[in-house]
Amino acid sequence: GTYTFTLGYHELSGTKVPLKKPMLVMKKTQDKQANDSTGCSHSGAELEVVGIIRHRILFKTRPKALIS
């Protein structure tokens, strides 16, 4: 299918293309302080998976102006 993206006074047309390797969308939920066995402290983060991106929209042409 054809997709149309309008941003301000510009319009882009593109097609949906599958990605070779899917990408994860992650969100940091907490920062944690952790001490290892040597007594050094380092911070760790807890990550939550928000979504998976499997496709992208490929725009092959330059933006078309909606006003002239």
C-alpha atoms as a PDB file:
ATOM      1  CA  GLY A   1       0.000   0.000   0.000  1.00  0.00           C
ATOM      2  CA  THR A   2       0.886   3.640  -0.314  1.00  0.00           C
ATOM      3  CA  TYR A   3       1.306   5.809   2.779  1.00  0.00           C
ATOM      4  CA  THR A   4       1.113   9.603   2.890  1.00  0.00           C
ATOM      5  CA  PHE A   5       2.914  11.625   5.582  1.00  0.00           C
ATOM      6  CA  THR A   6       2.071  15.325   5.936  1.00  0.00           C
ATOM      7  CA  LEU A   7       4.365  17.565   7.966  1.00  0.00           C
ATOM      8  CA  GLY A   8       3.476  21.237   7.916  1.00  0.00           C
ATOM      9  CA  TYR A   9       3.322  22.287   4.269  1.00  0.00           C
ATOM     10  CA  HIS A  10       5.143  19.215   2.952  1.00  0.00           C
ATOM     11  CA  GLU A  11       3.788  15.857   1.854  1.00  0.00           C
ATOM     12  CA  LEU A  12       5.703  12.590   1.451  1.00  0.00           C
ATOM     13  CA  SER A  13       4.498   9.376  -0.183  1.00  0.00           C
ATOM     14  CA  GLY A  14       6.019   6.006   0.615  1.00  0.00           C
ATOM     15  CA  THR A  15       5.586   2.263   0.748  1.00  0.00           C
ATOM     16  CA  LYS A  16       5.684  -0.222   3.635  1.00  0.00           C
ATOM     17  CA  VAL A  17       8.847  -2.381   3.650  1.00  0.00           C
ATOM     18  CA  PRO A  18       9.667  -5.186   6.132  1.00  0.00           C
ATOM     19  CA  LEU A  19      12.863  -4.839   8.183  1.00  0.00           C
ATOM     20  CA  LYS A  20      15.528  -7.543   7.881  1.00  0.00           C
ATOM     21  CA  LYS A  21      15.923  -7.637  11.675  1.00  0.00           C
ATOM     22  CA  PRO A  22      13.086  -6.399  13.945  1.00  0.00           C
ATOM     23  CA  MET A  23      13.874  -3.634  16.450  1.00  0.00           C
ATOM     24  CA  LEU A  24      12.682  -3.304  20.059  1.00  0.00           C
ATOM     25  CA  VAL A  25      11.311  -0.108  21.574  1.00  0.00           C
ATOM     26  CA  MET A  26      12.362   0.000  25.222  1.00  0.00           C
ATOM     27  CA  LYS A  27      11.643   2.314  28.150  1.00  0.00           C
ATOM     28  CA  LYS A  28      13.780   2.757  31.242  1.00  0.00           C
ATOM     29  CA  THR A  29      11.541   2.188  34.262  1.00  0.00           C
ATOM     30  CA  GLN A  30      13.911   2.430  37.267  1.00  0.00           C
ATOM     31  CA  ASP A  31      17.464   3.294  38.183  1.00  0.00           C
ATOM     32  CA  LYS A  32      19.008   0.995  40.761  1.00  0.00           C
ATOM     33  CA  GLN A  33      22.230   1.337  42.730  1.00  0.00           C
ATOM     34  CA  ALA A  34      24.095  -1.953  42.900  1.00  0.00           C
ATOM     35  CA  ASN A  35      27.215  -2.929  44.826  1.00  0.00           C
ATOM     36  CA  ASP A  36      29.391  -5.678  43.452  1.00  0.00           C
ATOM     37  CA  SER A  37      31.719  -7.945  45.431  1.00  0.00           C
ATOM     38  CA  THR A  38      34.633  -5.454  45.247  1.00  0.00           C
ATOM     39  CA  GLY A  39      32.624  -2.747  46.995  1.00  0.00           C
ATOM     40  CA  CYS A  40      32.376  -0.511  43.925  1.00  0.00           C
ATOM     41  CA  SER A  41      28.953   0.889  43.243  1.00  0.00           C
ATOM     42  CA  HIS A  42      27.546   1.165  39.760  1.00  0.00           C
ATOM     43  CA  SER A  43      24.096   2.046  38.546  1.00  0.00           C
ATOM     44  CA  GLY A  44      21.882  -0.371  36.686  1.00  0.00           C
ATOM     45  CA  ALA A  45      18.640   0.200  34.843  1.00  0.00           C
ATOM     46  CA  GLU A  46      15.462  -1.810  34.511  1.00  0.00           C
ATOM     47  CA  LEU A  47      14.144  -1.806  30.953  1.00  0.00           C
ATOM     48  CA  GLU A  48      10.596  -2.511  29.787  1.00  0.00           C
ATOM     49  CA  VAL A  49       9.787  -3.587  26.222  1.00  0.00           C
ATOM     50  CA  VAL A  50       7.156  -1.202  24.857  1.00  0.00           C
ATOM     51  CA  GLY A  51       6.885  -2.521  21.301  1.00  0.00           C
ATOM     52  CA  ILE A  52       8.470  -4.281  18.339  1.00  0.00           C
ATOM     53  CA  ILE A  53       9.114  -2.543  15.004  1.00  0.00           C
ATOM     54  CA  ARG A  54       8.832  -4.982  12.105  1.00  0.00           C
ATOM     55  CA  HIS A  55       8.205  -2.626   9.150  1.00  0.00           C
ATOM     56  CA  ARG A  56       9.331   0.797   7.980  1.00  0.00           C
ATOM     57  CA  ILE A  57       7.928   3.338   5.550  1.00  0.00           C
ATOM     58  CA  LEU A  58      10.322   3.976   2.652  1.00  0.00           C
ATOM     59  CA  PHE A  59      10.059   7.422   1.028  1.00  0.00           C
ATOM     60  CA  LYS A  60      11.665   7.413  -2.422  1.00  0.00           C
ATOM     61  CA  THR A  61      10.895  10.944  -3.587  1.00  0.00           C
ATOM     62  CA  ARG A  62      11.550  14.419  -2.232  1.00  0.00           C
ATOM     63  CA  PRO A  63       8.803  16.173  -0.241  1.00  0.00           C
ATOM     64  CA  LYS A  64       6.074  17.802  -2.315  1.00  0.00           C
ATOM     65  CA  ALA A  65       5.069  21.348  -1.309  1.00  0.00           C
ATOM     66  CA  LEU A  66       1.359  21.706  -0.572  1.00  0.00           C
ATOM     67  CA  ILE A  67       1.390  25.477  -1.153  1.00  0.00           C
ATOM     68  CA  SER A  68       3.240  27.420  -3.808  1.00  0.00           C
END
